[in-house]
Amino acid sequence: MAVWDWAATKAEFCRDCRLSYSRKKIIPDCAPCRFLCPELLPGNFEAMDLWLMVNTQWRIGFISTAAGTQTVKTGLDFPAVLAIAEINQTEMTPELFDKIKALELYELKRQREGG
């Protein structure tokens, strides 16, 4: 979850920082940076690759409030997730499905908490 949290909240800063350094032709020392991406465990590479591909496949709902109508993610469109996995020749094992489901639940929780 830490890598996804980084991608959702800190990756833009990291990209902009690297761009700034590259314009100065300097290689940044990212090790002490608090925005450095956490290490992804080897057993999660496949799940993160698939997650990054399917993260646009959300089902959306609407909430009406005094401030107006707001869209909210309600869950992944799993037929689309399975199609993307198949197109990319990724076998959807029960373990991989569980990891994608865990990332989905984490993202829905982040959304509820205002993230």
N, C-alpha and C. Protein backbone atom coordinates (compact mmCIF):
# COMPACT_ATOMS: atom_id res chain seq x y z
N MET A 1 0.81 -1.18 0.00
CA MET A 1 0.00 0.00 0.00
C MET A 1 0.87 1.26 0.00
N ALA A 2 2.04 1.16 0.58
CA ALA A 2 2.90 2.35 0.67
C ALA A 2 3.28 2.86 -0.71
N VAL A 3 3.55 1.95 -1.65
CA VAL A 3 3.95 2.37 -3.00
C VAL A 3 2.77 3.05 -3.69
N TRP A 4 1.57 2.49 -3.54
CA TRP A 4 0.40 3.12 -4.16
C TRP A 4 0.13 4.48 -3.51
N ASP A 5 0.26 4.58 -2.22
CA ASP A 5 0.07 5.86 -1.54
C ASP A 5 1.06 6.88 -2.09
N TRP A 6 2.30 6.46 -2.29
CA TRP A 6 3.32 7.35 -2.86
C TRP A 6 2.90 7.78 -4.26
N ALA A 7 2.48 6.82 -5.09
CA ALA A 7 2.10 7.13 -6.47
C ALA A 7 0.91 8.09 -6.52
N ALA A 8 -0.01 7.94 -5.56
CA ALA A 8 -1.21 8.77 -5.55
C ALA A 8 -0.98 10.15 -4.93
N THR A 9 0.04 10.30 -4.09
CA THR A 9 0.18 11.56 -3.36
C THR A 9 1.52 12.26 -3.52
N LYS A 10 2.58 11.54 -3.84
CA LYS A 10 3.91 12.16 -3.83
C LYS A 10 4.67 12.05 -5.16
N ALA A 11 4.19 11.23 -6.08
CA ALA A 11 4.92 11.01 -7.33
C ALA A 11 5.07 12.29 -8.14
N GLU A 12 4.05 13.14 -8.11
CA GLU A 12 4.11 14.38 -8.88
C GLU A 12 5.25 15.27 -8.38
N PHE A 13 5.41 15.37 -7.06
CA PHE A 13 6.52 16.15 -6.50
C PHE A 13 7.86 15.57 -6.96
N CYS A 14 7.97 14.25 -6.87
CA CYS A 14 9.21 13.57 -7.26
C CYS A 14 9.54 13.84 -8.73
N ARG A 15 8.53 13.74 -9.59
CA ARG A 15 8.73 14.00 -11.02
C ARG A 15 9.19 15.43 -11.25
N ASP A 16 8.52 16.38 -10.60
CA ASP A 16 8.87 17.79 -10.78
C ASP A 16 10.27 18.09 -10.26
N CYS A 17 10.64 17.49 -9.14
CA CYS A 17 11.97 17.68 -8.57
C CYS A 17 13.05 17.16 -9.53
N ARG A 18 12.84 15.96 -10.04
CA ARG A 18 13.82 15.39 -10.98
C ARG A 18 13.94 16.25 -12.23
N LEU A 19 12.81 16.77 -12.70
CA LEU A 19 12.82 17.64 -13.87
C LEU A 19 13.62 18.91 -13.59
N SER A 20 13.42 19.47 -12.42
CA SER A 20 14.15 20.68 -12.03
C SER A 20 15.66 20.42 -12.01
N TYR A 21 16.06 19.29 -11.41
CA TYR A 21 17.48 18.96 -11.37
C TYR A 21 18.03 18.70 -12.76
N SER A 22 17.25 18.04 -13.61
CA SER A 22 17.75 17.72 -14.96
C SER A 22 17.97 18.98 -15.78
N ARG A 23 17.16 20.00 -15.55
CA ARG A 23 17.34 21.28 -16.25
C ARG A 23 18.66 21.93 -15.86
N LYS A 24 19.10 21.66 -14.62
CA LYS A 24 20.37 22.20 -14.13
C LYS A 24 21.53 21.26 -14.44
N LYS A 25 21.19 20.13 -15.09
CA LYS A 25 22.17 19.09 -15.43
C LYS A 25 22.86 18.53 -14.18
N ILE A 26 22.05 18.33 -13.13
CA ILE A 26 22.53 17.78 -11.87
C ILE A 26 21.76 16.50 -11.59
N ILE A 27 22.46 15.48 -11.13
CA ILE A 27 21.80 14.24 -10.72
C ILE A 27 21.45 14.37 -9.24
N PRO A 28 20.17 14.32 -8.91
CA PRO A 28 19.78 14.53 -7.50
C PRO A 28 20.13 13.34 -6.62
N ASP A 29 20.39 13.63 -5.36
CA ASP A 29 20.56 12.58 -4.36
C ASP A 29 19.21 12.39 -3.70
N CYS A 30 18.47 11.38 -4.12
CA CYS A 30 17.10 11.17 -3.64
C CYS A 30 17.04 10.41 -2.32
N ALA A 31 18.14 9.81 -1.89
CA ALA A 31 18.13 8.96 -0.70
C ALA A 31 17.56 9.65 0.55
N PRO A 32 17.93 10.90 0.86
CA PRO A 32 17.40 11.51 2.08
C PRO A 32 16.01 12.14 1.90
N CYS A 33 15.48 12.13 0.70
CA CYS A 33 14.21 12.83 0.42
C CYS A 33 13.03 12.12 1.07
N ARG A 34 12.16 12.90 1.72
CA ARG A 34 10.97 12.31 2.35
C ARG A 34 9.93 11.92 1.32
N PHE A 35 10.12 12.28 0.05
CA PHE A 35 9.19 11.92 -1.01
C PHE A 35 9.67 10.72 -1.82
N LEU A 36 10.77 10.11 -1.40
CA LEU A 36 11.31 8.95 -2.11
C LEU A 36 10.31 7.79 -2.08
N CYS A 37 10.15 7.14 -3.22
CA CYS A 37 9.21 6.02 -3.32
C CYS A 37 9.70 4.85 -2.46
N PRO A 38 8.79 4.26 -1.66
CA PRO A 38 9.19 3.09 -0.87
C PRO A 38 9.51 1.91 -1.78
N GLU A 39 10.30 0.99 -1.27
CA GLU A 39 10.69 -0.18 -2.04
C GLU A 39 9.49 -1.12 -2.20
N LEU A 40 9.29 -1.58 -3.42
CA LEU A 40 8.23 -2.53 -3.72
C LEU A 40 8.81 -3.94 -3.57
N LEU A 41 8.15 -4.77 -2.77
CA LEU A 41 8.63 -6.13 -2.57
C LEU A 41 8.50 -6.93 -3.86
N PRO A 42 9.48 -7.80 -4.18
CA PRO A 42 9.47 -8.54 -5.45
C PRO A 42 8.17 -9.30 -5.71
N GLY A 43 7.52 -9.82 -4.70
CA GLY A 43 6.28 -10.57 -4.89
C GLY A 43 5.10 -9.70 -5.29
N ASN A 44 5.31 -8.38 -5.32
CA ASN A 44 4.21 -7.47 -5.66
C ASN A 44 4.39 -6.76 -6.99
N PHE A 45 5.46 -7.06 -7.74
CA PHE A 45 5.69 -6.39 -9.01
C PHE A 45 4.54 -6.59 -9.98
N GLU A 46 4.10 -7.84 -10.13
CA GLU A 46 3.02 -8.15 -11.07
C GLU A 46 1.73 -7.42 -10.68
N ALA A 47 1.41 -7.40 -9.40
CA ALA A 47 0.19 -6.73 -8.93
C ALA A 47 0.28 -5.23 -9.20
N MET A 48 1.43 -4.62 -8.94
CA MET A 48 1.56 -3.18 -9.16
C MET A 48 1.50 -2.86 -10.65
N ASP A 49 2.12 -3.68 -11.49
CA ASP A 49 2.04 -3.46 -12.93
C ASP A 49 0.59 -3.49 -13.40
N LEU A 50 -0.14 -4.51 -12.96
CA LEU A 50 -1.55 -4.62 -13.35
C LEU A 50 -2.35 -3.47 -12.76
N TRP A 51 -2.09 -3.13 -11.50
CA TRP A 51 -2.82 -2.04 -10.85
C TRP A 51 -2.67 -0.73 -11.63
N LEU A 52 -1.46 -0.43 -12.06
CA LEU A 52 -1.23 0.81 -12.81
C LEU A 52 -1.97 0.80 -14.15
N MET A 53 -2.15 -0.39 -14.73
CA MET A 53 -2.89 -0.48 -15.99
C MET A 53 -4.40 -0.37 -15.79
N VAL A 54 -4.91 -0.87 -14.66
CA VAL A 54 -6.37 -0.91 -14.48
C VAL A 54 -6.90 0.26 -13.65
N ASN A 55 -6.04 1.11 -13.19
CA ASN A 55 -6.47 2.18 -12.28
C ASN A 55 -7.37 3.22 -12.93
N THR A 56 -7.64 3.08 -14.22
CA THR A 56 -8.60 3.98 -14.89
C THR A 56 -9.97 3.31 -15.01
N GLN A 57 -10.10 2.09 -14.53
CA GLN A 57 -11.32 1.30 -14.74
C GLN A 57 -12.25 1.31 -13.53
N TRP A 58 -12.57 2.51 -13.04
CA TRP A 58 -13.43 2.64 -11.87
C TRP A 58 -14.88 2.79 -12.28
N ARG A 59 -15.74 2.18 -11.52
CA ARG A 59 -17.18 2.47 -11.63
C ARG A 59 -17.42 3.69 -10.75
N ILE A 60 -18.26 4.57 -11.25
CA ILE A 60 -18.46 5.87 -10.61
C ILE A 60 -19.91 6.01 -10.17
N GLY A 61 -20.10 6.61 -9.00
CA GLY A 61 -21.43 6.96 -8.51
C GLY A 61 -21.49 8.45 -8.26
N PHE A 62 -22.65 8.94 -7.91
CA PHE A 62 -22.84 10.36 -7.68
C PHE A 62 -23.43 10.59 -6.30
N ILE A 63 -22.96 11.66 -5.65
CA ILE A 63 -23.48 12.05 -4.34
C ILE A 63 -23.94 13.51 -4.47
N SER A 64 -25.15 13.77 -4.02
CA SER A 64 -25.65 15.15 -4.01
C SER A 64 -25.52 15.70 -2.60
N THR A 65 -24.93 16.88 -2.52
CA THR A 65 -24.79 17.58 -1.24
C THR A 65 -25.24 19.02 -1.43
N ALA A 66 -25.24 19.76 -0.36
CA ALA A 66 -25.61 21.18 -0.44
C ALA A 66 -24.67 21.93 -1.38
N ALA A 67 -23.43 21.45 -1.48
CA ALA A 67 -22.44 22.11 -2.33
C ALA A 67 -22.56 21.70 -3.80
N GLY A 68 -23.39 20.70 -4.08
CA GLY A 68 -23.56 20.26 -5.47
C GLY A 68 -23.38 18.76 -5.60
N THR A 69 -23.29 18.31 -6.82
CA THR A 69 -23.12 16.89 -7.11
C THR A 69 -21.64 16.56 -7.23
N GLN A 70 -21.27 15.44 -6.65
CA GLN A 70 -19.87 15.01 -6.65
C GLN A 70 -19.80 13.57 -7.15
N THR A 71 -18.78 13.25 -7.95
CA THR A 71 -18.59 11.87 -8.37
C THR A 71 -17.70 11.16 -7.36
N VAL A 72 -17.98 9.88 -7.14
CA VAL A 72 -17.16 9.06 -6.24
C VAL A 72 -16.92 7.70 -6.88
N LYS A 73 -15.75 7.16 -6.61
CA LYS A 73 -15.45 5.80 -7.06
C LYS A 73 -16.24 4.83 -6.20
N THR A 74 -16.85 3.83 -6.85
CA THR A 74 -17.61 2.83 -6.09
C THR A 74 -16.95 1.47 -6.13
N GLY A 75 -15.98 1.28 -6.98
CA GLY A 75 -15.27 0.01 -7.09
C GLY A 75 -14.74 -0.16 -8.50
N LEU A 76 -13.83 -1.10 -8.66
CA LEU A 76 -13.28 -1.36 -9.98
C LEU A 76 -14.29 -2.10 -10.85
N ASP A 77 -14.20 -1.88 -12.15
CA ASP A 77 -14.99 -2.62 -13.13
C ASP A 77 -14.21 -3.91 -13.42
N PHE A 78 -14.54 -4.97 -12.68
CA PHE A 78 -13.73 -6.19 -12.76
C PHE A 78 -13.78 -6.90 -14.10
N PRO A 79 -14.86 -6.85 -14.90
CA PRO A 79 -14.74 -7.40 -16.26
C PRO A 79 -13.66 -6.67 -17.07
N ALA A 80 -13.53 -5.35 -16.88
CA ALA A 80 -12.47 -4.60 -17.56
C ALA A 80 -11.10 -4.99 -17.02
N VAL A 81 -11.00 -5.18 -15.71
CA VAL A 81 -9.73 -5.60 -15.10
C VAL A 81 -9.28 -6.94 -15.69
N LEU A 82 -10.20 -7.88 -15.79
CA LEU A 82 -9.87 -9.20 -16.35
C LEU A 82 -9.47 -9.09 -17.82
N ALA A 83 -10.15 -8.23 -18.57
CA ALA A 83 -9.81 -8.04 -19.98
C ALA A 83 -8.41 -7.44 -20.13
N ILE A 84 -8.09 -6.46 -19.30
CA ILE A 84 -6.76 -5.84 -19.36
C ILE A 84 -5.68 -6.85 -19.00
N ALA A 85 -5.94 -7.66 -17.98
CA ALA A 85 -4.98 -8.71 -17.61
C ALA A 85 -4.77 -9.66 -18.78
N GLU A 86 -5.85 -10.07 -19.42
CA GLU A 86 -5.74 -11.01 -20.55
C GLU A 86 -4.98 -10.40 -21.72
N ILE A 87 -5.31 -9.14 -22.06
CA ILE A 87 -4.63 -8.46 -23.16
C ILE A 87 -3.12 -8.38 -22.91
N ASN A 88 -2.75 -8.20 -21.66
CA ASN A 88 -1.33 -8.08 -21.30
C ASN A 88 -0.70 -9.39 -20.89
N GLN A 89 -1.42 -10.49 -21.16
CA GLN A 89 -0.93 -11.85 -20.89
C GLN A 89 -0.51 -12.03 -19.44
N THR A 90 -1.34 -11.47 -18.55
CA THR A 90 -1.13 -11.62 -17.11
C THR A 90 -2.16 -12.60 -16.59
N GLU A 91 -1.70 -13.70 -16.02
CA GLU A 91 -2.63 -14.69 -15.49
C GLU A 91 -3.24 -14.18 -14.19
N MET A 92 -4.56 -14.12 -14.16
CA MET A 92 -5.26 -13.64 -12.96
C MET A 92 -5.41 -14.82 -12.00
N THR A 93 -4.42 -15.00 -11.16
CA THR A 93 -4.45 -16.05 -10.14
C THR A 93 -5.27 -15.56 -8.96
N PRO A 94 -5.72 -16.45 -8.09
CA PRO A 94 -6.41 -15.99 -6.87
C PRO A 94 -5.56 -15.03 -6.04
N GLU A 95 -4.25 -15.26 -5.98
CA GLU A 95 -3.37 -14.39 -5.21
C GLU A 95 -3.30 -12.99 -5.82
N LEU A 96 -3.19 -12.92 -7.15
CA LEU A 96 -3.14 -11.63 -7.83
C LEU A 96 -4.47 -10.90 -7.67
N PHE A 97 -5.58 -11.63 -7.80
CA PHE A 97 -6.90 -11.03 -7.62
C PHE A 97 -7.02 -10.44 -6.21
N ASP A 98 -6.56 -11.16 -5.21
CA ASP A 98 -6.62 -10.67 -3.82
C ASP A 98 -5.82 -9.38 -3.66
N LYS A 99 -4.67 -9.29 -4.32
CA LYS A 99 -3.84 -8.07 -4.22
C LYS A 99 -4.53 -6.88 -4.89
N ILE A 100 -5.13 -7.12 -6.05
CA ILE A 100 -5.85 -6.04 -6.74
C ILE A 100 -7.05 -5.60 -5.90
N LYS A 101 -7.74 -6.56 -5.32
CA LYS A 101 -8.89 -6.25 -4.46
C LYS A 101 -8.43 -5.43 -3.24
N ALA A 102 -7.29 -5.79 -2.65
CA ALA A 102 -6.77 -5.05 -1.50
C ALA A 102 -6.42 -3.61 -1.89
N LEU A 103 -5.82 -3.44 -3.07
CA LEU A 103 -5.50 -2.09 -3.54
C LEU A 103 -6.78 -1.29 -3.81
N GLU A 104 -7.79 -1.97 -4.36
CA GLU A 104 -9.07 -1.30 -4.60
C GLU A 104 -9.67 -0.81 -3.27
N LEU A 105 -9.70 -1.68 -2.27
CA LEU A 105 -10.26 -1.29 -0.98
C LEU A 105 -9.46 -0.17 -0.33
N TYR A 106 -8.14 -0.23 -0.47
CA TYR A 106 -7.29 0.83 0.07
C TYR A 106 -7.60 2.18 -0.61
N GLU A 107 -7.77 2.17 -1.92
CA GLU A 107 -8.07 3.41 -2.64
C GLU A 107 -9.45 3.94 -2.27
N LEU A 108 -10.43 3.07 -2.10
CA LEU A 108 -11.76 3.51 -1.68
C LEU A 108 -11.71 4.12 -0.28
N LYS A 109 -10.91 3.54 0.60
CA LYS A 109 -10.75 4.08 1.95
C LYS A 109 -10.08 5.46 1.89
N ARG A 110 -9.05 5.58 1.06
CA ARG A 110 -8.36 6.86 0.89
C ARG A 110 -9.33 7.94 0.42
N GLN A 111 -10.20 7.54 -0.51
CA GLN A 111 -11.19 8.48 -1.05
C GLN A 111 -12.16 8.92 0.05
N ARG A 112 -12.65 7.97 0.85
CA ARG A 112 -13.59 8.30 1.93
C ARG A 112 -12.96 9.26 2.92
N GLU A 113 -11.66 9.10 3.16
CA GLU A 113 -10.96 9.93 4.15
C GLU A 113 -10.50 11.25 3.56
N GLY A 114 -10.87 11.50 2.31
CA GLY A 114 -10.53 12.79 1.68
C GLY A 114 -9.23 12.80 0.93
N GLY A 115 -8.63 11.63 0.68
CA GLY A 115 -7.35 11.57 -0.02
C GLY A 115 -7.45 11.67 -1.51
